[in-house]
Amino acid sequence: MKEFFAGLLDWIYKKKCYFCKSSNESVKMCSKCYNSLEHLPVKINRIVLKKSVYCAGVYDKNLQKLIRGLKYHNQKELAVYLAKFMYEYWQKISDKNNFQVVPVPVYPKREKKRKYNHMNLVAEEFCKLSGSTLNKDLIKRIKDTKPQYKLKKHERAENLAGAFQIDTKNLLPMKILIIDDICTTGSTFEEMIKEFEKHDIFDITCFAATTPFEE
């Protein structure tokens, strides 16, 4: 009887894939759905203030759902898969781990409401895979900006003006890799780069999981 109930509980609480609902692998993202994610060609996607921006993946259905689930729907376990996807791309660019990985920060009130910053979770997993150093205390968001996806290009720049502030005591003697989920116009990266350059910090690379606009 015990075995019956144990088996029943395993069946009830078996994880289902967030994407296809399959419970065959008892994981949050099954191998079939993960393998459907497609990397972009390995190249610089765009230049922002003379800094290279790389974007890892094609902005398709499952990658969009992965980011939205992680960002808005409390699916924190998905951070592992997004980090893995980004790392697999990053390996083709650099096999070095002498970066301090800086996730794009969230305004404190918004982070408190969500109870986490999804890019901090991704950065933690990315650093585990790459051997890089996580530095989530280097730069903070000090302005409660509007959601960027609702704004036009010039509005995005205005929205983000003065949004970030560096705490130089947390700066490590390493190159900086800023990571974010989506790079649309590059406005977020641009504003962060401006803040870094105010403090004579110039060795910066930017890396996003995806972009709606492949260049």
N, C-alpha and C. Protein backbone atom coordinates (compact mmCIF):
# COMPACT_ATOMS: atom_id res chain seq x y z
N MET A 1 0.83 -1.22 0.00
CA MET A 1 0.00 0.00 0.00
C MET A 1 0.87 1.27 0.00
N LYS A 2 1.95 1.23 0.81
CA LYS A 2 2.86 2.37 0.85
C LYS A 2 3.43 2.67 -0.52
N GLU A 3 3.81 1.60 -1.22
CA GLU A 3 4.39 1.77 -2.56
C GLU A 3 3.37 2.39 -3.51
N PHE A 4 2.12 1.98 -3.35
CA PHE A 4 1.05 2.53 -4.20
C PHE A 4 0.92 4.03 -4.00
N PHE A 5 0.87 4.47 -2.72
CA PHE A 5 0.71 5.90 -2.44
C PHE A 5 1.96 6.69 -2.83
N ALA A 6 3.13 6.07 -2.64
CA ALA A 6 4.36 6.74 -3.05
C ALA A 6 4.37 6.96 -4.55
N GLY A 7 3.93 5.93 -5.28
CA GLY A 7 3.85 6.05 -6.73
C GLY A 7 2.82 7.08 -7.16
N LEU A 8 1.71 7.12 -6.42
CA LEU A 8 0.66 8.08 -6.73
C LEU A 8 1.15 9.51 -6.53
N LEU A 9 1.89 9.74 -5.43
CA LEU A 9 2.43 11.07 -5.17
C LEU A 9 3.45 11.48 -6.22
N ASP A 10 4.28 10.53 -6.63
CA ASP A 10 5.25 10.81 -7.70
C ASP A 10 4.53 11.24 -8.97
N TRP A 11 3.44 10.56 -9.26
CA TRP A 11 2.68 10.87 -10.48
C TRP A 11 2.01 12.24 -10.38
N ILE A 12 1.44 12.55 -9.20
CA ILE A 12 0.74 13.82 -9.00
C ILE A 12 1.72 15.00 -9.08
N TYR A 13 2.88 14.84 -8.42
CA TYR A 13 3.80 15.97 -8.30
C TYR A 13 4.92 15.95 -9.34
N LYS A 14 4.80 15.07 -10.30
CA LYS A 14 5.80 15.01 -11.35
C LYS A 14 5.81 16.32 -12.14
N LYS A 15 6.99 16.86 -12.35
CA LYS A 15 7.07 18.13 -13.08
C LYS A 15 6.65 17.96 -14.52
N LYS A 16 5.98 18.97 -15.01
CA LYS A 16 5.62 19.01 -16.43
C LYS A 16 6.43 20.09 -17.12
N CYS A 17 6.77 19.84 -18.36
CA CYS A 17 7.46 20.84 -19.16
C CYS A 17 6.57 22.08 -19.28
N TYR A 18 7.12 23.22 -18.98
CA TYR A 18 6.37 24.48 -19.02
C TYR A 18 5.91 24.82 -20.43
N PHE A 19 6.52 24.19 -21.41
CA PHE A 19 6.28 24.55 -22.81
C PHE A 19 5.32 23.58 -23.50
N CYS A 20 5.57 22.29 -23.39
CA CYS A 20 4.73 21.31 -24.09
C CYS A 20 3.87 20.48 -23.14
N LYS A 21 4.07 20.68 -21.83
CA LYS A 21 3.29 20.00 -20.78
C LYS A 21 3.61 18.52 -20.63
N SER A 22 4.63 18.05 -21.31
CA SER A 22 5.03 16.65 -21.16
C SER A 22 5.64 16.42 -19.78
N SER A 23 5.35 15.27 -19.18
CA SER A 23 5.95 14.93 -17.89
C SER A 23 6.95 13.78 -18.03
N ASN A 24 7.31 13.44 -19.24
CA ASN A 24 8.19 12.29 -19.48
C ASN A 24 9.54 12.43 -18.79
N GLU A 25 10.09 13.64 -18.78
CA GLU A 25 11.41 13.85 -18.19
C GLU A 25 11.34 14.45 -16.80
N SER A 26 10.14 14.86 -16.37
CA SER A 26 9.95 15.47 -15.05
C SER A 26 10.87 16.67 -14.84
N VAL A 27 10.90 17.55 -15.85
CA VAL A 27 11.72 18.76 -15.78
C VAL A 27 10.89 19.95 -16.23
N LYS A 28 11.39 21.15 -15.95
CA LYS A 28 10.67 22.37 -16.28
C LYS A 28 10.75 22.69 -17.77
N MET A 29 11.79 22.21 -18.43
CA MET A 29 11.91 22.38 -19.88
C MET A 29 12.52 21.11 -20.44
N CYS A 30 11.72 20.36 -21.16
CA CYS A 30 12.18 19.06 -21.67
C CYS A 30 13.23 19.26 -22.77
N SER A 31 13.96 18.21 -23.05
CA SER A 31 15.05 18.31 -24.03
C SER A 31 14.54 18.67 -25.41
N LYS A 32 13.36 18.19 -25.77
CA LYS A 32 12.80 18.52 -27.08
C LYS A 32 12.54 20.01 -27.21
N CYS A 33 11.94 20.60 -26.19
CA CYS A 33 11.64 22.03 -26.24
C CYS A 33 12.92 22.86 -26.14
N TYR A 34 13.86 22.42 -25.31
CA TYR A 34 15.14 23.14 -25.22
C TYR A 34 15.87 23.11 -26.56
N ASN A 35 15.88 21.96 -27.18
CA ASN A 35 16.60 21.82 -28.45
C ASN A 35 15.92 22.57 -29.59
N SER A 36 14.68 23.00 -29.37
CA SER A 36 14.00 23.80 -30.39
C SER A 36 14.50 25.24 -30.40
N LEU A 37 15.18 25.66 -29.33
CA LEU A 37 15.74 27.01 -29.28
C LEU A 37 16.88 27.11 -30.29
N GLU A 38 16.90 28.20 -31.01
CA GLU A 38 17.88 28.34 -32.10
C GLU A 38 18.81 29.51 -31.84
N HIS A 39 20.10 29.23 -31.93
CA HIS A 39 21.09 30.29 -31.77
C HIS A 39 21.21 31.14 -33.03
N LEU A 40 21.50 32.40 -32.84
CA LEU A 40 21.84 33.29 -33.95
C LEU A 40 23.27 33.01 -34.40
N PRO A 41 23.64 33.45 -35.60
CA PRO A 41 25.05 33.33 -36.02
C PRO A 41 25.97 34.03 -35.02
N VAL A 42 27.13 33.47 -34.80
CA VAL A 42 28.07 34.04 -33.84
C VAL A 42 28.78 35.23 -34.47
N LYS A 43 28.30 36.39 -34.11
CA LYS A 43 28.89 37.64 -34.62
C LYS A 43 28.39 38.79 -33.75
N ILE A 44 29.03 39.94 -33.87
CA ILE A 44 28.56 41.13 -33.17
C ILE A 44 27.22 41.53 -33.77
N ASN A 45 26.22 41.64 -32.93
CA ASN A 45 24.88 41.96 -33.41
C ASN A 45 24.72 43.45 -33.69
N ARG A 46 25.35 44.26 -32.86
CA ARG A 46 25.33 45.71 -33.06
C ARG A 46 26.43 46.34 -32.21
N ILE A 47 26.68 47.61 -32.46
CA ILE A 47 27.64 48.38 -31.69
C ILE A 47 26.89 49.48 -30.96
N VAL A 48 27.09 49.59 -29.67
CA VAL A 48 26.48 50.64 -28.86
C VAL A 48 27.59 51.41 -28.16
N LEU A 49 27.73 52.69 -28.50
CA LEU A 49 28.79 53.53 -27.93
C LEU A 49 30.16 52.85 -28.03
N LYS A 50 30.41 52.27 -29.19
CA LYS A 50 31.67 51.60 -29.52
C LYS A 50 31.89 50.30 -28.75
N LYS A 51 30.84 49.80 -28.10
CA LYS A 51 30.94 48.52 -27.39
C LYS A 51 30.19 47.45 -28.18
N SER A 52 30.75 46.26 -28.18
CA SER A 52 30.13 45.14 -28.90
C SER A 52 28.94 44.60 -28.14
N VAL A 53 27.86 44.33 -28.87
CA VAL A 53 26.67 43.70 -28.31
C VAL A 53 26.44 42.38 -29.03
N TYR A 54 26.37 41.30 -28.27
CA TYR A 54 26.07 39.98 -28.82
C TYR A 54 24.67 39.57 -28.38
N CYS A 55 23.97 38.88 -29.25
CA CYS A 55 22.64 38.36 -28.93
C CYS A 55 22.62 36.88 -29.26
N ALA A 56 22.20 36.08 -28.30
CA ALA A 56 22.41 34.63 -28.40
C ALA A 56 21.42 33.91 -29.31
N GLY A 57 20.13 34.30 -29.26
CA GLY A 57 19.15 33.43 -29.89
C GLY A 57 18.10 34.11 -30.73
N VAL A 58 17.48 33.30 -31.57
CA VAL A 58 16.38 33.74 -32.42
C VAL A 58 15.15 34.02 -31.56
N TYR A 59 14.52 35.13 -31.81
CA TYR A 59 13.38 35.59 -31.01
C TYR A 59 12.13 34.83 -31.45
N ASP A 60 12.06 33.55 -31.07
CA ASP A 60 10.93 32.73 -31.50
C ASP A 60 10.04 32.38 -30.31
N LYS A 61 9.03 31.55 -30.58
CA LYS A 61 7.97 31.29 -29.60
C LYS A 61 8.49 30.78 -28.27
N ASN A 62 9.30 29.72 -28.28
CA ASN A 62 9.73 29.13 -27.03
C ASN A 62 10.71 30.01 -26.25
N LEU A 63 11.58 30.73 -26.95
CA LEU A 63 12.50 31.62 -26.25
C LEU A 63 11.73 32.79 -25.63
N GLN A 64 10.74 33.30 -26.35
CA GLN A 64 9.89 34.35 -25.78
C GLN A 64 9.17 33.84 -24.53
N LYS A 65 8.62 32.64 -24.61
CA LYS A 65 7.88 32.08 -23.48
C LYS A 65 8.82 31.82 -22.30
N LEU A 66 10.03 31.38 -22.59
CA LEU A 66 11.03 31.15 -21.56
C LEU A 66 11.32 32.44 -20.80
N ILE A 67 11.54 33.52 -21.53
CA ILE A 67 11.85 34.80 -20.89
C ILE A 67 10.66 35.35 -20.12
N ARG A 68 9.48 35.29 -20.72
CA ARG A 68 8.28 35.81 -20.04
C ARG A 68 7.96 35.02 -18.78
N GLY A 69 8.07 33.68 -18.86
CA GLY A 69 7.80 32.84 -17.71
C GLY A 69 8.74 33.15 -16.55
N LEU A 70 10.02 33.31 -16.88
CA LEU A 70 11.03 33.62 -15.87
C LEU A 70 10.84 35.02 -15.30
N LYS A 71 10.50 35.96 -16.17
CA LYS A 71 10.46 37.38 -15.78
C LYS A 71 9.16 37.76 -15.05
N TYR A 72 8.04 37.24 -15.53
CA TYR A 72 6.75 37.72 -15.05
C TYR A 72 5.90 36.69 -14.31
N HIS A 73 6.20 35.41 -14.46
CA HIS A 73 5.30 34.39 -13.95
C HIS A 73 5.93 33.48 -12.88
N ASN A 74 6.96 33.99 -12.24
CA ASN A 74 7.55 33.31 -11.08
C ASN A 74 8.14 31.94 -11.41
N GLN A 75 8.49 31.73 -12.67
CA GLN A 75 9.07 30.45 -13.08
C GLN A 75 10.60 30.51 -12.94
N LYS A 76 11.04 30.61 -11.69
CA LYS A 76 12.47 30.86 -11.44
C LYS A 76 13.37 29.71 -11.90
N GLU A 77 12.82 28.51 -11.95
CA GLU A 77 13.62 27.36 -12.40
C GLU A 77 14.08 27.50 -13.85
N LEU A 78 13.38 28.34 -14.60
CA LEU A 78 13.75 28.52 -16.01
C LEU A 78 15.06 29.28 -16.18
N ALA A 79 15.56 29.91 -15.13
CA ALA A 79 16.84 30.64 -15.22
C ALA A 79 17.97 29.71 -15.65
N VAL A 80 17.91 28.47 -15.20
CA VAL A 80 18.96 27.49 -15.55
C VAL A 80 19.02 27.30 -17.06
N TYR A 81 17.87 27.21 -17.70
CA TYR A 81 17.83 26.94 -19.13
C TYR A 81 18.25 28.16 -19.95
N LEU A 82 17.85 29.35 -19.51
CA LEU A 82 18.25 30.55 -20.23
C LEU A 82 19.75 30.77 -20.10
N ALA A 83 20.28 30.53 -18.91
CA ALA A 83 21.73 30.66 -18.70
C ALA A 83 22.50 29.66 -19.55
N LYS A 84 22.02 28.43 -19.61
CA LYS A 84 22.68 27.39 -20.41
C LYS A 84 22.68 27.78 -21.89
N PHE A 85 21.53 28.27 -22.36
CA PHE A 85 21.41 28.68 -23.76
C PHE A 85 22.38 29.80 -24.08
N MET A 86 22.48 30.78 -23.19
CA MET A 86 23.41 31.90 -23.40
C MET A 86 24.86 31.43 -23.33
N TYR A 87 25.15 30.53 -22.39
CA TYR A 87 26.51 30.05 -22.24
C TYR A 87 26.97 29.26 -23.46
N GLU A 88 26.09 28.45 -24.02
CA GLU A 88 26.45 27.67 -25.20
C GLU A 88 26.85 28.59 -26.36
N TYR A 89 26.18 29.71 -26.46
CA TYR A 89 26.55 30.71 -27.48
C TYR A 89 27.86 31.39 -27.10
N TRP A 90 27.97 31.79 -25.84
CA TRP A 90 29.13 32.56 -25.38
C TRP A 90 30.43 31.77 -25.53
N GLN A 91 30.37 30.48 -25.36
CA GLN A 91 31.56 29.64 -25.51
C GLN A 91 32.20 29.80 -26.89
N LYS A 92 31.38 30.09 -27.89
CA LYS A 92 31.88 30.24 -29.26
C LYS A 92 32.54 31.60 -29.47
N ILE A 93 32.32 32.51 -28.52
CA ILE A 93 32.93 33.84 -28.61
C ILE A 93 34.21 33.89 -27.80
N SER A 94 34.14 33.37 -26.59
CA SER A 94 35.28 33.47 -25.68
C SER A 94 35.33 32.25 -24.76
N ASP A 95 36.51 31.68 -24.62
CA ASP A 95 36.68 30.59 -23.67
C ASP A 95 37.31 31.10 -22.37
N LYS A 96 37.43 32.43 -22.29
CA LYS A 96 38.03 33.04 -21.10
C LYS A 96 36.94 33.32 -20.07
N ASN A 97 37.32 33.31 -18.82
CA ASN A 97 36.35 33.56 -17.75
C ASN A 97 36.73 34.75 -16.89
N ASN A 98 37.60 35.61 -17.43
CA ASN A 98 38.07 36.75 -16.64
C ASN A 98 37.14 37.95 -16.78
N PHE A 99 35.84 37.70 -16.64
CA PHE A 99 34.83 38.75 -16.67
C PHE A 99 34.15 38.85 -15.32
N GLN A 100 33.73 40.05 -14.98
CA GLN A 100 32.75 40.22 -13.92
C GLN A 100 31.40 40.38 -14.64
N VAL A 101 30.51 39.48 -14.35
CA VAL A 101 29.21 39.46 -15.03
C VAL A 101 28.25 40.38 -14.26
N VAL A 102 27.73 41.38 -14.97
CA VAL A 102 26.88 42.39 -14.35
C VAL A 102 25.47 42.26 -14.94
N PRO A 103 24.52 41.70 -14.20
CA PRO A 103 23.15 41.63 -14.71
C PRO A 103 22.49 43.01 -14.67
N VAL A 104 21.63 43.28 -15.65
CA VAL A 104 20.90 44.55 -15.66
C VAL A 104 20.03 44.61 -14.40
N PRO A 105 20.18 45.67 -13.60
CA PRO A 105 19.43 45.74 -12.34
C PRO A 105 17.98 46.17 -12.52
N VAL A 106 17.16 45.83 -11.54
CA VAL A 106 15.76 46.21 -11.49
C VAL A 106 15.59 47.25 -10.38
N TYR A 107 14.68 48.18 -10.58
CA TYR A 107 14.42 49.17 -9.54
C TYR A 107 13.95 48.45 -8.27
N PRO A 108 14.46 48.84 -7.09
CA PRO A 108 14.17 48.09 -5.85
C PRO A 108 12.68 47.83 -5.59
N LYS A 109 11.83 48.82 -5.84
CA LYS A 109 10.40 48.62 -5.59
C LYS A 109 9.83 47.54 -6.49
N ARG A 110 10.28 47.50 -7.73
CA ARG A 110 9.80 46.48 -8.66
C ARG A 110 10.34 45.11 -8.30
N GLU A 111 11.62 45.08 -7.89
CA GLU A 111 12.20 43.80 -7.48
C GLU A 111 11.50 43.26 -6.23
N LYS A 112 11.15 44.14 -5.31
CA LYS A 112 10.43 43.72 -4.10
C LYS A 112 9.07 43.14 -4.45
N LYS A 113 8.41 43.75 -5.43
CA LYS A 113 7.09 43.27 -5.85
C LYS A 113 7.19 41.90 -6.50
N ARG A 114 8.20 41.72 -7.37
CA ARG A 114 8.40 40.43 -8.04
C ARG A 114 9.04 39.39 -7.12
N LYS A 115 9.76 39.90 -6.11
CA LYS A 115 10.49 39.07 -5.14
C LYS A 115 11.81 38.54 -5.68
N TYR A 116 12.19 38.96 -6.86
CA TYR A 116 13.49 38.58 -7.41
C TYR A 116 13.75 39.39 -8.68
N ASN A 117 15.04 39.46 -9.04
CA ASN A 117 15.45 40.00 -10.35
C ASN A 117 15.83 38.81 -11.21
N HIS A 118 15.08 38.56 -12.26
CA HIS A 118 15.30 37.36 -13.06
C HIS A 118 16.69 37.30 -13.66
N MET A 119 17.27 38.48 -13.98
CA MET A 119 18.61 38.46 -14.58
C MET A 119 19.68 38.15 -13.54
N ASN A 120 19.43 38.42 -12.27
CA ASN A 120 20.36 37.97 -11.23
C ASN A 120 20.42 36.44 -11.21
N LEU A 121 19.25 35.81 -11.33
CA LEU A 121 19.19 34.35 -11.34
C LEU A 121 19.93 33.78 -12.55
N VAL A 122 19.71 34.38 -13.70
CA VAL A 122 20.39 33.93 -14.92
C VAL A 122 21.90 34.12 -14.79
N ALA A 123 22.30 35.27 -14.27
CA ALA A 123 23.73 35.57 -14.12
C ALA A 123 24.40 34.58 -13.17
N GLU A 124 23.72 34.22 -12.10
CA GLU A 124 24.28 33.23 -11.16
C GLU A 124 24.54 31.90 -11.86
N GLU A 125 23.57 31.45 -12.63
CA GLU A 125 23.73 30.17 -13.34
C GLU A 125 24.78 30.28 -14.44
N PHE A 126 24.82 31.40 -15.12
CA PHE A 126 25.80 31.63 -16.18
C PHE A 126 27.22 31.58 -15.60
N CYS A 127 27.41 32.18 -14.45
CA CYS A 127 28.73 32.19 -13.82
C CYS A 127 29.15 30.79 -13.36
N LYS A 128 28.19 30.00 -12.91
CA LYS A 128 28.50 28.61 -12.55
C LYS A 128 29.03 27.85 -13.76
N LEU A 129 28.43 28.09 -14.91
CA LEU A 129 28.82 27.38 -16.12
C LEU A 129 30.14 27.91 -16.69
N SER A 130 30.32 29.22 -16.66
CA SER A 130 31.46 29.84 -17.32
C SER A 130 32.68 30.02 -16.43
N GLY A 131 32.47 29.97 -15.12
CA GLY A 131 33.58 30.24 -14.21
C GLY A 131 33.84 31.72 -14.05
N SER A 132 32.97 32.57 -14.60
CA SER A 132 33.10 34.01 -14.44
C SER A 132 32.68 34.43 -13.04
N THR A 133 32.90 35.71 -12.73
CA THR A 133 32.60 36.23 -11.40
C THR A 133 31.33 37.08 -11.44
N LEU A 134 30.37 36.74 -10.61
CA LEU A 134 29.12 37.50 -10.55
C LEU A 134 29.35 38.79 -9.76
N ASN A 135 28.86 39.90 -10.32
CA ASN A 135 28.95 41.19 -9.61
C ASN A 135 27.61 41.91 -9.77
N LYS A 136 26.67 41.58 -8.91
CA LYS A 136 25.35 42.18 -9.01
C LYS A 136 25.20 43.44 -8.16
N ASP A 137 26.29 43.84 -7.48
CA ASP A 137 26.24 45.02 -6.62
C ASP A 137 26.99 46.21 -7.21
N LEU A 138 27.49 46.07 -8.40
CA LEU A 138 28.29 47.14 -9.00
C LEU A 138 27.44 48.33 -9.45
N ILE A 139 26.29 48.04 -10.03
CA ILE A 139 25.45 49.11 -10.57
C ILE A 139 24.00 48.89 -10.14
N LYS A 140 23.35 49.99 -9.80
CA LYS A 140 21.97 49.92 -9.33
C LYS A 140 21.07 50.77 -10.21
N ARG A 141 19.80 50.41 -10.24
CA ARG A 141 18.81 51.24 -10.94
C ARG A 141 18.19 52.17 -9.90
N ILE A 142 18.33 53.46 -10.12
CA ILE A 142 17.87 54.45 -9.14
C ILE A 142 16.64 55.21 -9.63
N LYS A 143 16.15 54.84 -10.80
CA LYS A 143 14.98 55.50 -11.37
C LYS A 143 13.94 54.44 -11.72
N ASP A 144 12.71 54.68 -11.30
CA ASP A 144 11.63 53.73 -11.58
C ASP A 144 11.10 53.99 -12.99
N THR A 145 11.73 53.34 -13.95
CA THR A 145 11.41 53.58 -15.35
C THR A 145 10.14 52.83 -15.78
N LYS A 146 9.56 53.31 -16.86
CA LYS A 146 8.41 52.63 -17.45
C LYS A 146 8.90 51.38 -18.19
N PRO A 147 8.04 50.38 -18.41
CA PRO A 147 8.42 49.22 -19.22
C PRO A 147 8.85 49.66 -20.62
N GLN A 148 10.01 49.21 -21.06
CA GLN A 148 10.57 49.67 -22.33
C GLN A 148 9.76 49.24 -23.56
N TYR A 149 9.13 48.04 -23.48
CA TYR A 149 8.45 47.52 -24.66
C TYR A 149 7.28 48.39 -25.10
N LYS A 150 6.81 49.28 -24.23
CA LYS A 150 5.68 50.13 -24.57
C LYS A 150 6.12 51.43 -25.27
N LEU A 151 7.42 51.64 -25.36
CA LEU A 151 7.94 52.94 -25.80
C LEU A 151 8.62 52.88 -27.16
N LYS A 152 8.61 54.02 -27.85
CA LYS A 152 9.33 54.17 -29.10
C LYS A 152 10.81 54.42 -28.79
N LYS A 153 11.63 54.38 -29.83
CA LYS A 153 13.08 54.44 -29.62
C LYS A 153 13.50 55.69 -28.86
N HIS A 154 13.02 56.87 -29.27
CA HIS A 154 13.44 58.10 -28.59
C HIS A 154 12.88 58.16 -27.17
N GLU A 155 11.71 57.55 -26.96
CA GLU A 155 11.12 57.52 -25.63
C GLU A 155 11.90 56.60 -24.70
N ARG A 156 12.46 55.53 -25.26
CA ARG A 156 13.26 54.60 -24.46
C ARG A 156 14.48 55.31 -23.88
N ALA A 157 15.15 56.10 -24.72
CA ALA A 157 16.34 56.82 -24.27
C ALA A 157 15.99 57.83 -23.17
N GLU A 158 14.88 58.55 -23.35
CA GLU A 158 14.43 59.52 -22.34
C GLU A 158 14.05 58.81 -21.04
N ASN A 159 13.39 57.68 -21.18
CA ASN A 159 12.92 56.90 -20.03
C ASN A 159 14.09 56.44 -19.17
N LEU A 160 15.20 56.07 -19.82
CA LEU A 160 16.33 55.50 -19.10
C LEU A 160 17.39 56.52 -18.67
N ALA A 161 17.24 57.75 -19.10
CA ALA A 161 18.24 58.78 -18.78
C ALA A 161 18.41 58.91 -17.27
N GLY A 162 19.64 58.74 -16.80
CA GLY A 162 19.93 58.86 -15.37
C GLY A 162 19.38 57.73 -14.53
N ALA A 163 19.10 56.60 -15.15
CA ALA A 163 18.45 55.50 -14.42
C ALA A 163 19.40 54.66 -13.58
N PHE A 164 20.71 54.75 -13.86
CA PHE A 164 21.67 53.85 -13.20
C PHE A 164 22.73 54.62 -12.42
N GLN A 165 23.25 53.96 -11.40
CA GLN A 165 24.30 54.55 -10.58
C GLN A 165 25.29 53.47 -10.16
N ILE A 166 26.57 53.76 -10.33
CA ILE A 166 27.62 52.80 -9.98
C ILE A 166 28.07 52.99 -8.54
N ASP A 167 28.35 51.88 -7.91
CA ASP A 167 28.98 51.89 -6.59
C ASP A 167 30.42 51.42 -6.80
N THR A 168 31.35 52.36 -6.95
CA THR A 168 32.71 52.04 -7.37
C THR A 168 33.45 51.15 -6.38
N LYS A 169 33.01 51.13 -5.14
CA LYS A 169 33.73 50.28 -4.16
C LYS A 169 33.52 48.80 -4.47
N ASN A 170 32.52 48.49 -5.30
CA ASN A 170 32.27 47.09 -5.67
C ASN A 170 32.90 46.70 -7.01
N LEU A 171 33.66 47.62 -7.60
CA LEU A 171 34.31 47.34 -8.89
C LEU A 171 35.48 46.37 -8.69
N LEU A 172 35.51 45.34 -9.51
CA LEU A 172 36.60 44.37 -9.49
C LEU A 172 37.57 44.66 -10.64
N PRO A 173 38.83 44.27 -10.52
CA PRO A 173 39.81 44.53 -11.58
C PRO A 173 39.68 43.53 -12.73
N MET A 174 38.51 43.53 -13.35
CA MET A 174 38.21 42.58 -14.42
C MET A 174 37.36 43.27 -15.47
N LYS A 175 37.35 42.71 -16.68
CA LYS A 175 36.48 43.21 -17.74
C LYS A 175 35.02 43.01 -17.34
N ILE A 176 34.16 43.84 -17.91
CA ILE A 176 32.74 43.78 -17.56
C ILE A 176 31.95 43.14 -18.69
N LEU A 177 31.08 42.22 -18.32
CA LEU A 177 30.11 41.64 -19.25
C LEU A 177 28.72 41.94 -18.70
N ILE A 178 28.00 42.87 -19.35
CA ILE A 178 26.63 43.19 -18.95
C ILE A 178 25.71 42.19 -19.64
N ILE A 179 24.81 41.58 -18.88
CA ILE A 179 23.88 40.65 -19.52
C ILE A 179 22.43 41.07 -19.26
N ASP A 180 21.60 40.84 -20.28
CA ASP A 180 20.18 41.18 -20.21
C ASP A 180 19.40 40.11 -20.98
N ASP A 181 18.08 40.18 -20.89
CA ASP A 181 17.27 39.18 -21.60
C ASP A 181 17.05 39.56 -23.07
N ILE A 182 16.55 40.78 -23.31
CA ILE A 182 16.23 41.20 -24.68
C ILE A 182 16.92 42.52 -24.99
N CYS A 183 17.56 42.58 -26.14
CA CYS A 183 18.12 43.84 -26.63
C CYS A 183 17.30 44.27 -27.83
N THR A 184 16.53 45.34 -27.66
CA THR A 184 15.69 45.84 -28.76
C THR A 184 16.41 46.96 -29.49
N THR A 185 16.46 48.13 -28.87
CA THR A 185 17.19 49.25 -29.49
C THR A 185 18.59 49.41 -28.89
N GLY A 186 18.85 48.73 -27.79
CA GLY A 186 20.14 48.87 -27.11
C GLY A 186 20.17 50.01 -26.10
N SER A 187 19.01 50.60 -25.81
CA SER A 187 18.95 51.77 -24.92
C SER A 187 19.42 51.46 -23.51
N THR A 188 19.05 50.28 -23.00
CA THR A 188 19.46 49.92 -21.64
C THR A 188 20.97 49.77 -21.55
N PHE A 189 21.54 49.04 -22.49
CA PHE A 189 23.00 48.91 -22.53
C PHE A 189 23.66 50.28 -22.66
N GLU A 190 23.12 51.11 -23.52
CA GLU A 190 23.71 52.43 -23.76
C GLU A 190 23.75 53.26 -22.48
N GLU A 191 22.68 53.28 -21.75
CA GLU A 191 22.63 54.09 -20.53
C GLU A 191 23.57 53.54 -19.46
N MET A 192 23.69 52.23 -19.38
CA MET A 192 24.62 51.63 -18.42
C MET A 192 26.07 51.93 -18.81
N ILE A 193 26.36 51.84 -20.10
CA ILE A 193 27.71 52.16 -20.58
C ILE A 193 28.07 53.60 -20.25
N LYS A 194 27.14 54.52 -20.47
CA LYS A 194 27.38 55.94 -20.15
C LYS A 194 27.76 56.11 -18.68
N GLU A 195 27.04 55.42 -17.82
CA GLU A 195 27.32 55.52 -16.38
C GLU A 195 28.69 54.95 -16.05
N PHE A 196 29.05 53.83 -16.67
CA PHE A 196 30.38 53.26 -16.46
C PHE A 196 31.47 54.22 -16.94
N GLU A 197 31.26 54.80 -18.10
CA GLU A 197 32.30 55.67 -18.67
C GLU A 197 32.49 56.96 -17.88
N LYS A 198 31.47 57.38 -17.15
CA LYS A 198 31.62 58.53 -16.25
C LYS A 198 32.69 58.25 -15.20
N HIS A 199 32.89 56.98 -14.91
CA HIS A 199 33.86 56.57 -13.89
C HIS A 199 35.11 55.95 -14.54
N ASP A 200 35.32 56.28 -15.82
CA ASP A 200 36.51 55.82 -16.57
C ASP A 200 36.59 54.29 -16.65
N ILE A 201 35.45 53.68 -16.79
CA ILE A 201 35.39 52.22 -16.98
C ILE A 201 34.97 51.98 -18.44
N PHE A 202 35.87 51.39 -19.21
CA PHE A 202 35.64 51.31 -20.66
C PHE A 202 35.66 49.90 -21.23
N ASP A 203 36.22 48.95 -20.49
CA ASP A 203 36.38 47.59 -21.02
C ASP A 203 35.08 46.81 -20.79
N ILE A 204 34.13 47.00 -21.68
CA ILE A 204 32.77 46.50 -21.49
C ILE A 204 32.29 45.75 -22.73
N THR A 205 31.65 44.63 -22.52
CA THR A 205 30.95 43.90 -23.58
C THR A 205 29.51 43.67 -23.11
N CYS A 206 28.59 43.68 -24.05
CA CYS A 206 27.17 43.49 -23.72
C CYS A 206 26.66 42.20 -24.36
N PHE A 207 25.78 41.53 -23.63
CA PHE A 207 25.30 40.22 -24.08
C PHE A 207 23.84 40.05 -23.69
N ALA A 208 22.99 39.81 -24.68
CA ALA A 208 21.56 39.59 -24.43
C ALA A 208 21.17 38.19 -24.90
N ALA A 209 20.12 37.67 -24.29
CA ALA A 209 19.64 36.35 -24.69
C ALA A 209 19.08 36.37 -26.10
N THR A 210 18.44 37.47 -26.48
CA THR A 210 17.81 37.54 -27.79
C THR A 210 17.57 38.98 -28.21
N THR A 211 17.21 39.16 -29.45
CA THR A 211 16.82 40.46 -30.00
C THR A 211 15.71 40.25 -31.01
N PRO A 212 14.72 41.13 -31.04
CA PRO A 212 13.67 41.03 -32.07
C PRO A 212 14.19 41.46 -33.44
N PHE A 213 15.35 42.14 -33.44
CA PHE A 213 15.86 42.70 -34.69
C PHE A 213 17.28 42.21 -34.94
N GLU A 214 17.39 41.17 -35.74
CA GLU A 214 18.72 40.66 -36.09
C GLU A 214 19.38 41.59 -37.09
N GLU A 215 20.65 41.93 -36.83
CA GLU A 215 21.38 42.80 -37.73
C GLU A 215 22.57 42.06 -38.34
